[in-house]
PDB file of N, CA and C in Angstrom:
ATOM      1  N   MET A   1     -20.872  16.104  52.158  1.00  0.00           N
ATOM      2  CA  MET A   1     -20.189  16.125  50.889  1.00  0.00           C
ATOM      3  C   MET A   1     -21.191  15.959  49.748  1.00  0.00           C
ATOM      4  N   ALA A   2     -20.893  16.571  48.658  1.00  0.00           N
ATOM      5  CA  ALA A   2     -21.784  16.512  47.498  1.00  0.00           C
ATOM      6  C   ALA A   2     -21.497  15.252  46.681  1.00  0.00           C
ATOM      7  N   LYS A   3     -22.536  14.759  46.032  1.00  0.00           N
ATOM      8  CA  LYS A   3     -22.371  13.601  45.167  1.00  0.00           C
ATOM      9  C   LYS A   3     -21.691  14.029  43.879  1.00  0.00           C
ATOM     10  N   ARG A   4     -20.941  13.127  43.315  1.00  0.00           N
ATOM     11  CA  ARG A   4     -20.362  13.387  42.004  1.00  0.00           C
ATOM     12  C   ARG A   4     -21.398  13.085  40.943  1.00  0.00           C
ATOM     13  N   LYS A   5     -21.458  13.940  39.954  1.00  0.00           N
ATOM     14  CA  LYS A   5     -22.384  13.722  38.852  1.00  0.00           C
ATOM     15  C   LYS A   5     -21.815  12.655  37.925  1.00  0.00           C
ATOM     16  N   THR A   6     -22.691  11.825  37.438  1.00  0.00           N
ATOM     17  CA  THR A   6     -22.268  10.852  36.442  1.00  0.00           C
ATOM     18  C   THR A   6     -22.531  11.441  35.067  1.00  0.00           C
ATOM     19  N   ASN A   7     -21.649  11.162  34.172  1.00  0.00           N
ATOM     20  CA  ASN A   7     -21.773  11.682  32.819  1.00  0.00           C
ATOM     21  C   ASN A   7     -22.717  10.785  32.038  1.00  0.00           C
ATOM     22  N   ARG A   8     -23.900  11.258  31.785  1.00  0.00           N
ATOM     23  CA  ARG A   8     -24.907  10.476  31.071  1.00  0.00           C
ATOM     24  C   ARG A   8     -24.765  10.614  29.556  1.00  0.00           C
ATOM     25  N   ARG A   9     -23.889  11.456  29.112  1.00  0.00           N
ATOM     26  CA  ARG A   9     -23.749  11.686  27.674  1.00  0.00           C
ATOM     27  C   ARG A   9     -22.764  10.731  27.017  1.00  0.00           C
ATOM     28  N   VAL A  10     -22.102   9.932  27.787  1.00  0.00           N
ATOM     29  CA  VAL A  10     -21.147   8.997  27.213  1.00  0.00           C
ATOM     30  C   VAL A  10     -21.911   7.876  26.523  1.00  0.00           C
ATOM     31  N   ARG A  11     -21.569   7.660  25.256  1.00  0.00           N
ATOM     32  CA  ARG A  11     -22.254   6.630  24.479  1.00  0.00           C
ATOM     33  C   ARG A  11     -21.405   5.376  24.440  1.00  0.00           C
ATOM     34  N   SER A  12     -22.053   4.255  24.381  1.00  0.00           N
ATOM     35  CA  SER A  12     -21.330   2.988  24.338  1.00  0.00           C
ATOM     36  C   SER A  12     -20.695   2.748  22.973  1.00  0.00           C
ATOM     37  N   THR A  13     -21.254   3.322  21.919  1.00  0.00           N
ATOM     38  CA  THR A  13     -20.665   3.159  20.594  1.00  0.00           C
ATOM     39  C   THR A  13     -19.683   4.293  20.359  1.00  0.00           C
ATOM     40  N   GLY A  14     -18.575   3.983  19.748  1.00  0.00           N
ATOM     41  CA  GLY A  14     -17.535   4.980  19.524  1.00  0.00           C
ATOM     42  C   GLY A  14     -17.540   5.528  18.128  1.00  0.00           C
ATOM     43  N   ASP A  15     -18.732   5.734  17.525  1.00  0.00           N
ATOM     44  CA  ASP A  15     -18.780   6.193  16.145  1.00  0.00           C
ATOM     45  C   ASP A  15     -18.549   7.684  15.996  1.00  0.00           C
ATOM     46  N   GLY A  16     -18.591   8.452  17.099  1.00  0.00           N
ATOM     47  CA  GLY A  16     -18.347   9.876  17.036  1.00  0.00           C
ATOM     48  C   GLY A  16     -19.566  10.701  16.693  1.00  0.00           C
ATOM     49  N   MET A  17     -20.671  10.077  16.292  1.00  0.00           N
ATOM     50  CA  MET A  17     -21.886  10.804  15.952  1.00  0.00           C
ATOM     51  C   MET A  17     -22.580  11.230  17.236  1.00  0.00           C
ATOM     52  N   VAL A  18     -22.889  12.502  17.324  1.00  0.00           N
ATOM     53  CA  VAL A  18     -23.554  13.025  18.503  1.00  0.00           C
ATOM     54  C   VAL A  18     -25.037  13.208  18.244  1.00  0.00           C
ATOM     55  N   PHE A  19     -25.390  13.752  17.078  1.00  0.00           N
ATOM     56  CA  PHE A  19     -26.784  14.072  16.810  1.00  0.00           C
ATOM     57  C   PHE A  19     -27.003  14.131  15.310  1.00  0.00           C
ATOM     58  N   SER A  20     -28.148  13.645  14.852  1.00  0.00           N
ATOM     59  CA  SER A  20     -28.497  13.723  13.444  1.00  0.00           C
ATOM     60  C   SER A  20     -29.952  14.164  13.322  1.00  0.00           C
ATOM     61  N   THR A  21     -30.216  15.118  12.433  1.00  0.00           N
ATOM     62  CA  THR A  21     -31.583  15.601  12.224  1.00  0.00           C
ATOM     63  C   THR A  21     -32.289  14.863  11.104  1.00  0.00           C
ATOM     64  N   GLN A  22     -31.592  14.010  10.398  1.00  0.00           N
ATOM     65  CA  GLN A  22     -32.175  13.291   9.285  1.00  0.00           C
ATOM     66  C   GLN A  22     -32.998  12.112   9.811  1.00  0.00           C
ATOM     67  N   PRO A  23     -34.309  12.054   9.490  1.00  0.00           N
ATOM     68  CA  PRO A  23     -35.123  10.944   9.982  1.00  0.00           C
ATOM     69  C   PRO A  23     -34.709   9.631   9.325  1.00  0.00           C
ATOM     70  N   GLY A  24     -34.648   8.594  10.128  1.00  0.00           N
ATOM     71  CA  GLY A  24     -34.321   7.278   9.603  1.00  0.00           C
ATOM     72  C   GLY A  24     -32.850   7.065   9.311  1.00  0.00           C
ATOM     73  N   TRP A  25     -31.992   7.932   9.784  1.00  0.00           N
ATOM     74  CA  TRP A  25     -30.558   7.807   9.509  1.00  0.00           C
ATOM     75  C   TRP A  25     -29.971   6.652  10.297  1.00  0.00           C
ATOM     76  N   GLU A  26     -29.179   5.845   9.645  1.00  0.00           N
ATOM     77  CA  GLU A  26     -28.478   4.738  10.291  1.00  0.00           C
ATOM     78  C   GLU A  26     -26.987   4.908  10.030  1.00  0.00           C
ATOM     79  N   PRO A  27     -26.157   4.687  11.030  1.00  0.00           N
ATOM     80  CA  PRO A  27     -24.711   4.811  10.796  1.00  0.00           C
ATOM     81  C   PRO A  27     -24.222   3.713   9.864  1.00  0.00           C
ATOM     82  N   THR A  28     -23.279   4.057   9.021  1.00  0.00           N
ATOM     83  CA  THR A  28     -22.710   3.082   8.101  1.00  0.00           C
ATOM     84  C   THR A  28     -21.588   2.339   8.802  1.00  0.00           C
ATOM     85  N   SER A  29     -21.358   1.129   8.390  1.00  0.00           N
ATOM     86  CA  SER A  29     -20.271   0.360   8.994  1.00  0.00           C
ATOM     87  C   SER A  29     -18.954   0.845   8.417  1.00  0.00           C
ATOM     88  N   SER A  30     -17.900   0.735   9.197  1.00  0.00           N
ATOM     89  CA  SER A  30     -16.588   1.203   8.764  1.00  0.00           C
ATOM     90  C   SER A  30     -15.755   0.070   8.192  1.00  0.00           C
ATOM     91  N   GLU A  31     -16.406  -0.991   7.716  1.00  0.00           N
ATOM     92  CA  GLU A  31     -15.680  -2.121   7.160  1.00  0.00           C
ATOM     93  C   GLU A  31     -14.978  -1.757   5.859  1.00  0.00           C
ATOM     94  N   GLY A  32     -15.460  -0.756   5.152  1.00  0.00           N
ATOM     95  CA  GLY A  32     -14.833  -0.341   3.907  1.00  0.00           C
ATOM     96  C   GLY A  32     -13.541   0.425   4.127  1.00  0.00           C
ATOM     97  N   ASP A  33     -13.274   0.842   5.370  1.00  0.00           N
ATOM     98  CA  ASP A  33     -12.079   1.610   5.673  1.00  0.00           C
ATOM     99  C   ASP A  33     -10.906   0.744   6.102  1.00  0.00           C
ATOM    100  N   VAL A  34     -10.988  -0.550   5.896  1.00  0.00           N
ATOM    101  CA  VAL A  34      -9.941  -1.456   6.340  1.00  0.00           C
ATOM    102  C   VAL A  34      -8.703  -1.243   5.479  1.00  0.00           C
ATOM    103  N   VAL A  35      -7.576  -1.058   6.136  1.00  0.00           N
ATOM    104  CA  VAL A  35      -6.307  -0.859   5.448  1.00  0.00           C
ATOM    105  C   VAL A  35      -5.582  -2.194   5.412  1.00  0.00           C
ATOM    106  N   ASN A  36      -4.957  -2.480   4.289  1.00  0.00           N
ATOM    107  CA  ASN A  36      -4.195  -3.722   4.207  1.00  0.00           C
ATOM    108  C   ASN A  36      -2.998  -3.624   5.137  1.00  0.00           C
ATOM    109  N   GLU A  37      -3.026  -4.439   6.181  1.00  0.00           N
ATOM    110  CA  GLU A  37      -1.937  -4.411   7.148  1.00  0.00           C
ATOM    111  C   GLU A  37      -0.919  -5.469   6.761  1.00  0.00           C
ATOM    112  N   LEU A  38       0.312  -5.055   6.659  1.00  0.00           N
ATOM    113  CA  LEU A  38       1.396  -5.952   6.310  1.00  0.00           C
ATOM    114  C   LEU A  38       2.325  -6.071   7.506  1.00  0.00           C
ATOM    115  N   PRO A  39       2.975  -7.230   7.662  1.00  0.00           N
ATOM    116  CA  PRO A  39       3.968  -7.326   8.727  1.00  0.00           C
ATOM    117  C   PRO A  39       5.146  -6.400   8.435  1.00  0.00           C
ATOM    118  N   ALA A  40       5.904  -6.082   9.468  1.00  0.00           N
ATOM    119  CA  ALA A  40       6.986  -5.103   9.346  1.00  0.00           C
ATOM    120  C   ALA A  40       8.021  -5.512   8.302  1.00  0.00           C
ATOM    121  N   HIS A  41       8.361  -6.788   8.218  1.00  0.00           N
ATOM    122  CA  HIS A  41       9.426  -7.202   7.294  1.00  0.00           C
ATOM    123  C   HIS A  41       9.004  -7.117   5.832  1.00  0.00           C
ATOM    124  N   GLU A  42       7.705  -6.918   5.549  1.00  0.00           N
ATOM    125  CA  GLU A  42       7.239  -6.796   4.171  1.00  0.00           C
ATOM    126  C   GLU A  42       6.992  -5.343   3.764  1.00  0.00           C
ATOM    127  N   GLN A  43       7.152  -4.407   4.679  1.00  0.00           N
ATOM    128  CA  GLN A  43       6.881  -3.000   4.378  1.00  0.00           C
ATOM    129  C   GLN A  43       8.180  -2.258   4.081  1.00  0.00           C
ATOM    130  N   THR A  44       8.099  -1.354   3.123  1.00  0.00           N
ATOM    131  CA  THR A  44       9.217  -0.475   2.810  1.00  0.00           C
ATOM    132  C   THR A  44       8.819   0.945   3.196  1.00  0.00           C
ATOM    133  N   LEU A  45       9.588   1.534   4.100  1.00  0.00           N
ATOM    134  CA  LEU A  45       9.326   2.898   4.542  1.00  0.00           C
ATOM    135  C   LEU A  45      10.367   3.828   3.939  1.00  0.00           C
ATOM    136  N   TYR A  46       9.938   5.036   3.616  1.00  0.00           N
ATOM    137  CA  TYR A  46      10.811   6.032   2.996  1.00  0.00           C
ATOM    138  C   TYR A  46      11.106   7.127   4.011  1.00  0.00           C
ATOM    139  N   VAL A  47      12.391   7.353   4.270  1.00  0.00           N
ATOM    140  CA  VAL A  47      12.825   8.356   5.241  1.00  0.00           C
ATOM    141  C   VAL A  47      13.478   9.493   4.468  1.00  0.00           C
ATOM    142  N   SER A  48      13.043  10.718   4.744  1.00  0.00           N
ATOM    143  CA  SER A  48      13.602  11.875   4.049  1.00  0.00           C
ATOM    144  C   SER A  48      13.665  13.066   4.994  1.00  0.00           C
ATOM    145  N   LEU A  49      14.366  14.098   4.558  1.00  0.00           N
ATOM    146  CA  LEU A  49      14.475  15.351   5.297  1.00  0.00           C
ATOM    147  C   LEU A  49      13.747  16.419   4.501  1.00  0.00           C
ATOM    148  N   ASP A  50      12.924  17.194   5.176  1.00  0.00           N
ATOM    149  CA  ASP A  50      12.114  18.202   4.497  1.00  0.00           C
ATOM    150  C   ASP A  50      12.293  19.539   5.181  1.00  0.00           C
ATOM    151  N   ARG A  51      12.393  20.606   4.383  1.00  0.00           N
ATOM    152  CA  ARG A  51      12.493  21.962   4.915  1.00  0.00           C
ATOM    153  C   ARG A  51      11.448  22.883   4.306  1.00  0.00           C
ATOM    154  N   LYS A  52      10.646  22.373   3.388  1.00  0.00           N
ATOM    155  CA  LYS A  52       9.694  23.216   2.672  1.00  0.00           C
ATOM    156  C   LYS A  52       8.578  23.683   3.589  1.00  0.00           C
ATOM    157  N   GLN A  53       8.226  24.935   3.495  1.00  0.00           N
ATOM    158  CA  GLN A  53       7.139  25.577   4.236  1.00  0.00           C
ATOM    159  C   GLN A  53       7.300  25.435   5.750  1.00  0.00           C
ATOM    160  N   ARG A  54       8.555  25.380   6.210  1.00  0.00           N
ATOM    161  CA  ARG A  54       8.810  25.276   7.641  1.00  0.00           C
ATOM    162  C   ARG A  54       9.865  26.279   8.081  1.00  0.00           C
ATOM    163  N   ALA A  55       9.967  27.378   7.398  1.00  0.00           N
ATOM    164  CA  ALA A  55      10.906  28.459   7.719  1.00  0.00           C
ATOM    165  C   ALA A  55      12.346  27.951   7.773  1.00  0.00           C
ATOM    166  N   GLY A  56      12.707  26.982   6.939  1.00  0.00           N
ATOM    167  CA  GLY A  56      14.069  26.479   6.872  1.00  0.00           C
ATOM    168  C   GLY A  56      14.429  25.474   7.944  1.00  0.00           C
ATOM    169  N   LYS A  57      13.503  25.147   8.832  1.00  0.00           N
ATOM    170  CA  LYS A  57      13.799  24.196   9.908  1.00  0.00           C
ATOM    171  C   LYS A  57      13.628  22.770   9.382  1.00  0.00           C
ATOM    172  N   PRO A  58      14.578  21.892   9.684  1.00  0.00           N
ATOM    173  CA  PRO A  58      14.500  20.526   9.152  1.00  0.00           C
ATOM    174  C   PRO A  58      13.487  19.668   9.901  1.00  0.00           C
ATOM    175  N   VAL A  59      12.833  18.788   9.157  1.00  0.00           N
ATOM    176  CA  VAL A  59      11.887  17.822   9.713  1.00  0.00           C
ATOM    177  C   VAL A  59      12.160  16.486   9.044  1.00  0.00           C
ATOM    178  N   THR A  60      12.322  15.431   9.849  1.00  0.00           N
ATOM    179  CA  THR A  60      12.510  14.088   9.321  1.00  0.00           C
ATOM    180  C   THR A  60      11.145  13.489   9.037  1.00  0.00           C
ATOM    181  N   MET A  61      10.948  12.999   7.817  1.00  0.00           N
ATOM    182  CA  MET A  61       9.654  12.447   7.402  1.00  0.00           C
ATOM    183  C   MET A  61       9.778  10.949   7.172  1.00  0.00           C
ATOM    184  N   VAL A  62       8.766  10.196   7.635  1.00  0.00           N
ATOM    185  CA  VAL A  62       8.687   8.754   7.393  1.00  0.00           C
ATOM    186  C   VAL A  62       7.373   8.509   6.672  1.00  0.00           C
ATOM    187  N   GLU A  63       7.466   7.973   5.448  1.00  0.00           N
ATOM    188  CA  GLU A  63       6.285   7.741   4.615  1.00  0.00           C
ATOM    189  C   GLU A  63       6.199   6.271   4.225  1.00  0.00           C
ATOM    190  N   GLY A  64       4.996   5.845   3.834  1.00  0.00           N
ATOM    191  CA  GLY A  64       4.806   4.517   3.277  1.00  0.00           C
ATOM    192  C   GLY A  64       4.338   3.470   4.258  1.00  0.00           C
ATOM    193  N   PHE A  65       3.934   3.839   5.459  1.00  0.00           N
ATOM    194  CA  PHE A  65       3.483   2.856   6.444  1.00  0.00           C
ATOM    195  C   PHE A  65       2.109   2.331   6.060  1.00  0.00           C
ATOM    196  N   MET A  66       1.958   1.021   6.026  1.00  0.00           N
ATOM    197  CA  MET A  66       0.683   0.378   5.713  1.00  0.00           C
ATOM    198  C   MET A  66       0.174  -0.287   6.983  1.00  0.00           C
ATOM    199  N   GLY A  67      -0.813   0.297   7.600  1.00  0.00           N
ATOM    200  CA  GLY A  67      -1.372  -0.255   8.823  1.00  0.00           C
ATOM    201  C   GLY A  67      -2.464   0.652   9.340  1.00  0.00           C
ATOM    202  N   SER A  68      -2.982   0.332  10.496  1.00  0.00           N
ATOM    203  CA  SER A  68      -4.062   1.126  11.062  1.00  0.00           C
ATOM    204  C   SER A  68      -3.525   2.463  11.574  1.00  0.00           C
ATOM    205  N   GLY A  69      -4.426   3.380  11.767  1.00  0.00           N
ATOM    206  CA  GLY A  69      -4.048   4.695  12.268  1.00  0.00           C
ATOM    207  C   GLY A  69      -3.454   4.629  13.663  1.00  0.00           C
ATOM    208  N   MET A  70      -3.964   3.717  14.487  1.00  0.00           N
ATOM    209  CA  MET A  70      -3.449   3.579  15.848  1.00  0.00           C
ATOM    210  C   MET A  70      -2.011   3.069  15.835  1.00  0.00           C
ATOM    211  N   GLU A  71      -1.716   2.109  14.965  1.00  0.00           N
ATOM    212  CA  GLU A  71      -0.346   1.604  14.855  1.00  0.00           C
ATOM    213  C   GLU A  71       0.601   2.692  14.357  1.00  0.00           C
ATOM    214  N   LEU A  72       0.116   3.523  13.436  1.00  0.00           N
ATOM    215  CA  LEU A  72       0.917   4.634  12.935  1.00  0.00           C
ATOM    216  C   LEU A  72       1.225   5.621  14.050  1.00  0.00           C
ATOM    217  N   MET A  73       0.216   5.915  14.885  1.00  0.00           N
ATOM    218  CA  MET A  73       0.422   6.825  16.011  1.00  0.00           C
ATOM    219  C   MET A  73       1.433   6.240  17.004  1.00  0.00           C
ATOM    220  N   GLN A  74       1.341   4.948  17.263  1.00  0.00           N
ATOM    221  CA  GLN A  74       2.272   4.306  18.191  1.00  0.00           C
ATOM    222  C   GLN A  74       3.689   4.307  17.647  1.00  0.00           C
ATOM    223  N   LEU A  75       3.839   4.059  16.347  1.00  0.00           N
ATOM    224  CA  LEU A  75       5.160   4.097  15.734  1.00  0.00           C
ATOM    225  C   LEU A  75       5.723   5.503  15.783  1.00  0.00           C
ATOM    226  N   GLY A  76       4.885   6.506  15.498  1.00  0.00           N
ATOM    227  CA  GLY A  76       5.328   7.897  15.572  1.00  0.00           C
ATOM    228  C   GLY A  76       5.780   8.270  16.971  1.00  0.00           C
ATOM    229  N   LYS A  77       5.043   7.846  17.976  1.00  0.00           N
ATOM    230  CA  LYS A  77       5.408   8.139  19.362  1.00  0.00           C
ATOM    231  C   LYS A  77       6.734   7.477  19.719  1.00  0.00           C
ATOM    232  N   ALA A  78       6.915   6.230  19.274  1.00  0.00           N
ATOM    233  CA  ALA A  78       8.165   5.527  19.555  1.00  0.00           C
ATOM    234  C   ALA A  78       9.355   6.232  18.905  1.00  0.00           C
ATOM    235  N   LEU A  79       9.183   6.688  17.669  1.00  0.00           N
ATOM    236  CA  LEU A  79      10.281   7.383  16.983  1.00  0.00           C
ATOM    237  C   LEU A  79      10.604   8.719  17.650  1.00  0.00           C
ATOM    238  N   LYS A  80       9.572   9.464  18.024  1.00  0.00           N
ATOM    239  CA  LYS A  80       9.803  10.751  18.686  1.00  0.00           C
ATOM    240  C   LYS A  80      10.480  10.556  20.034  1.00  0.00           C
ATOM    241  N   THR A  81      10.096   9.516  20.759  1.00  0.00           N
ATOM    242  CA  THR A  81      10.721   9.230  22.050  1.00  0.00           C
ATOM    243  C   THR A  81      12.175   8.833  21.863  1.00  0.00           C
ATOM    244  N   GLN A  82      12.443   7.992  20.880  1.00  0.00           N
ATOM    245  CA  GLN A  82      13.802   7.532  20.616  1.00  0.00           C
ATOM    246  C   GLN A  82      14.725   8.685  20.237  1.00  0.00           C
ATOM    247  N   CYS A  83      14.183   9.661  19.493  1.00  0.00           N
ATOM    248  CA  CYS A  83      14.986  10.800  19.043  1.00  0.00           C
ATOM    249  C   CYS A  83      15.018  11.922  20.073  1.00  0.00           C
ATOM    250  N   GLY A  84      14.128  11.883  21.029  1.00  0.00           N
ATOM    251  CA  GLY A  84      14.072  12.957  22.019  1.00  0.00           C
ATOM    252  C   GLY A  84      13.616  14.260  21.398  1.00  0.00           C
ATOM    253  N   ALA A  85      12.666  14.173  20.488  1.00  0.00           N
ATOM    254  CA  ALA A  85      12.203  15.359  19.772  1.00  0.00           C
ATOM    255  C   ALA A  85      10.689  15.342  19.676  1.00  0.00           C
ATOM    256  N   GLY A  86      10.136  16.463  19.303  1.00  0.00           N
ATOM    257  CA  GLY A  86       8.705  16.563  19.077  1.00  0.00           C
ATOM    258  C   GLY A  86       8.373  16.151  17.663  1.00  0.00           C
ATOM    259  N   GLY A  87       7.118  16.278  17.322  1.00  0.00           N
ATOM    260  CA  GLY A  87       6.702  15.930  15.978  1.00  0.00           C
ATOM    261  C   GLY A  87       5.213  15.699  15.920  1.00  0.00           C
ATOM    262  N   ALA A  88       4.784  15.079  14.826  1.00  0.00           N
ATOM    263  CA  ALA A  88       3.359  14.844  14.624  1.00  0.00           C
ATOM    264  C   ALA A  88       3.166  13.691  13.651  1.00  0.00           C
ATOM    265  N   VAL A  89       1.936  13.203  13.601  1.00  0.00           N
ATOM    266  CA  VAL A  89       1.531  12.230  12.595  1.00  0.00           C
ATOM    267  C   VAL A  89       0.393  12.872  11.831  1.00  0.00           C
ATOM    268  N   LYS A  90       0.635  13.178  10.558  1.00  0.00           N
ATOM    269  CA  LYS A  90      -0.364  13.854   9.732  1.00  0.00           C
ATOM    270  C   LYS A  90      -0.478  13.162   8.390  1.00  0.00           C
ATOM    271  N   GLU A  91      -1.704  12.861   7.989  1.00  0.00           N
ATOM    272  CA  GLU A  91      -2.000  12.324   6.670  1.00  0.00           C
ATOM    273  C   GLU A  91      -1.154  11.109   6.324  1.00  0.00           C
ATOM    274  N   GLY A  92      -0.952  10.213   7.271  1.00  0.00           N
ATOM    275  CA  GLY A  92      -0.200   8.992   7.029  1.00  0.00           C
ATOM    276  C   GLY A  92       1.301   9.175   7.004  1.00  0.00           C
ATOM    277  N   VAL A  93       1.798  10.332   7.417  1.00  0.00           N
ATOM    278  CA  VAL A  93       3.225  10.622   7.424  1.00  0.00           C
ATOM    279  C   VAL A  93       3.646  10.953   8.845  1.00  0.00           C
ATOM    280  N   ILE A  94       4.764  10.369   9.281  1.00  0.00           N
ATOM    281  CA  ILE A  94       5.308  10.673  10.598  1.00  0.00           C
ATOM    282  C   ILE A  94       6.320  11.793  10.430  1.00  0.00           C
ATOM    283  N   LEU A  95       6.156  12.870  11.197  1.00  0.00           N
ATOM    284  CA  LEU A  95       7.069  14.002  11.169  1.00  0.00           C
ATOM    285  C   LEU A  95       7.795  14.070  12.509  1.00  0.00           C
ATOM    286  N   VAL A  96       9.136  14.090  12.469  1.00  0.00           N
ATOM    287  CA  VAL A  96       9.951  14.232  13.674  1.00  0.00           C
ATOM    288  C   VAL A  96      10.762  15.505  13.516  1.00  0.00           C
ATOM    289  N   GLN A  97      10.639  16.407  14.475  1.00  0.00           N
ATOM    290  CA  GLN A  97      11.316  17.697  14.372  1.00  0.00           C
ATOM    291  C   GLN A  97      12.820  17.505  14.460  1.00  0.00           C
ATOM    292  N   GLY A  98      13.529  18.096  13.503  1.00  0.00           N
ATOM    293  CA  GLY A  98      14.990  18.030  13.479  1.00  0.00           C
ATOM    294  C   GLY A  98      15.484  16.993  12.486  1.00  0.00           C
ATOM    295  N   ASP A  99      16.799  16.977  12.299  1.00  0.00           N
ATOM    296  CA  ASP A  99      17.440  16.020  11.388  1.00  0.00           C
ATOM    297  C   ASP A  99      17.845  14.788  12.198  1.00  0.00           C
ATOM    298  N   HIS A 100      16.965  13.801  12.249  1.00  0.00           N
ATOM    299  CA  HIS A 100      17.202  12.578  13.014  1.00  0.00           C
ATOM    300  C   HIS A 100      17.131  11.354  12.108  1.00  0.00           C
ATOM    301  N   ARG A 101      17.581  11.503  10.861  1.00  0.00           N
ATOM    302  CA  ARG A 101      17.453  10.413   9.902  1.00  0.00           C
ATOM    303  C   ARG A 101      18.160   9.144  10.360  1.00  0.00           C
ATOM    304  N   GLU A 102      19.373   9.274  10.896  1.00  0.00           N
ATOM    305  CA  GLU A 102      20.146   8.096  11.295  1.00  0.00           C
ATOM    306  C   GLU A 102      19.473   7.343  12.437  1.00  0.00           C
ATOM    307  N   LYS A 103      19.007   8.070  13.444  1.00  0.00           N
ATOM    308  CA  LYS A 103      18.327   7.423  14.574  1.00  0.00           C
ATOM    309  C   LYS A 103      17.029   6.762  14.129  1.00  0.00           C
ATOM    310  N   VAL A 104      16.280   7.436  13.265  1.00  0.00           N
ATOM    311  CA  VAL A 104      15.011   6.902  12.782  1.00  0.00           C
ATOM    312  C   VAL A 104      15.252   5.636  11.965  1.00  0.00           C
ATOM    313  N   ILE A 105      16.223   5.661  11.086  1.00  0.00           N
ATOM    314  CA  ILE A 105      16.525   4.499  10.253  1.00  0.00           C
ATOM    315  C   ILE A 105      16.970   3.330  11.123  1.00  0.00           C
ATOM    316  N   GLU A 106      17.827   3.600  12.095  1.00  0.00           N
ATOM    317  CA  GLU A 106      18.306   2.547  12.994  1.00  0.00           C
ATOM    318  C   GLU A 106      17.139   1.924  13.786  1.00  0.00           C
ATOM    319  N   THR A 107      16.248   2.757  14.290  1.00  0.00           N
ATOM    320  CA  THR A 107      15.102   2.274  15.063  1.00  0.00           C
ATOM    321  C   THR A 107      14.160   1.449  14.199  1.00  0.00           C
ATOM    322  N   LEU A 108      13.870   1.929  12.999  1.00  0.00           N
ATOM    323  CA  LEU A 108      12.953   1.212  12.114  1.00  0.00           C
ATOM    324  C   LEU A 108      13.540  -0.122  11.637  1.00  0.00           C
ATOM    325  N   GLU A 109      14.850  -0.150  11.339  1.00  0.00           N
ATOM    326  CA  GLU A 109      15.485  -1.396  10.928  1.00  0.00           C
ATOM    327  C   GLU A 109      15.484  -2.402  12.070  1.00  0.00           C
ATOM    328  N   HIS A 110      15.657  -1.916  13.299  1.00  0.00           N
ATOM    329  CA  HIS A 110      15.616  -2.794  14.468  1.00  0.00           C
ATOM    330  C   HIS A 110      14.230  -3.424  14.632  1.00  0.00           C
ATOM    331  N   GLN A 111      13.179  -2.701  14.219  1.00  0.00           N
ATOM    332  CA  GLN A 111      11.814  -3.219  14.299  1.00  0.00           C
ATOM    333  C   GLN A 111      11.462  -4.114  13.117  1.00  0.00           C
ATOM    334  N   GLY A 112      12.358  -4.213  12.124  1.00  0.00           N
ATOM    335  CA  GLY A 112      12.147  -5.142  11.013  1.00  0.00           C
ATOM    336  C   GLY A 112      11.680  -4.526   9.718  1.00  0.00           C
ATOM    337  N   PHE A 113      11.576  -3.211   9.633  1.00  0.00           N
ATOM    338  CA  PHE A 113      11.127  -2.557   8.406  1.00  0.00           C
ATOM    339  C   PHE A 113      12.269  -2.466   7.405  1.00  0.00           C
ATOM    340  N   LYS A 114      11.919  -2.467   6.116  1.00  0.00           N
ATOM    341  CA  LYS A 114      12.880  -2.174   5.054  1.00  0.00           C
ATOM    342  C   LYS A 114      12.881  -0.664   4.875  1.00  0.00           C
ATOM    343  N   ILE A 115      14.045  -0.069   4.736  1.00  0.00           N
ATOM    344  CA  ILE A 115      14.162   1.385   4.702  1.00  0.00           C
ATOM    345  C   ILE A 115      14.800   1.816   3.387  1.00  0.00           C
ATOM    346  N   LYS A 116      14.252   2.878   2.820  1.00  0.00           N
ATOM    347  CA  LYS A 116      14.865   3.538   1.672  1.00  0.00           C
ATOM    348  C   LYS A 116      14.956   5.015   1.987  1.00  0.00           C
ATOM    349  N   ARG A 117      16.080   5.603   1.639  1.00  0.00           N
ATOM    350  CA  ARG A 117      16.265   7.048   1.833  1.00  0.00           C
ATOM    351  C   ARG A 117      15.762   7.793   0.617  1.00  0.00           C
ATOM    352  N   LYS A 118      15.050   8.879   0.870  1.00  0.00           N
ATOM    353  CA  LYS A 118      14.605   9.744  -0.218  1.00  0.00           C
ATOM    354  C   LYS A 118      15.393  11.038  -0.133  1.00  0.00           C
ATOM    355  N   GLY A 119      15.660  11.627  -1.262  1.00  0.00           N
ATOM    356  CA  GLY A 119      16.389  12.898  -1.274  1.00  0.00           C
ATOM    357  C   GLY A 119      17.887  12.674  -1.139  1.00  0.00           C
ATOM    358  N   GLY A 120      18.620  13.757  -0.894  1.00  0.00           N
ATOM    359  CA  GLY A 120      20.078  13.709  -0.818  1.00  0.00           C
ATOM    360  C   GLY A 120      20.562  12.945   0.264  1.00  0.00           C
TER     361      GLY A 120
END
């Protein structure tokens, strides 16, 4: 049997930098990217329905989350699972395919968030 190759290219630091041609370059710390994280009961999230630039198909949008990107992704996954729909997390906004405003609001209120409806 053949030996399995070990991946020697895996770096212990997770900065994403693969190669730099600039002599003396040092990675900058990401301490300036810290987002003010608030507990759920202090955050107000805005839930709306959007059809613009989507060929008339409705998308439920959740805006206003203050937290890390990983927490936003986890919240988006939980909402999509609860609604049984697809979606995405883009530019700090959670998008859930379809009109699932009631389910999203119910789920977010159960988690302790304050909710405001935007639009009609």
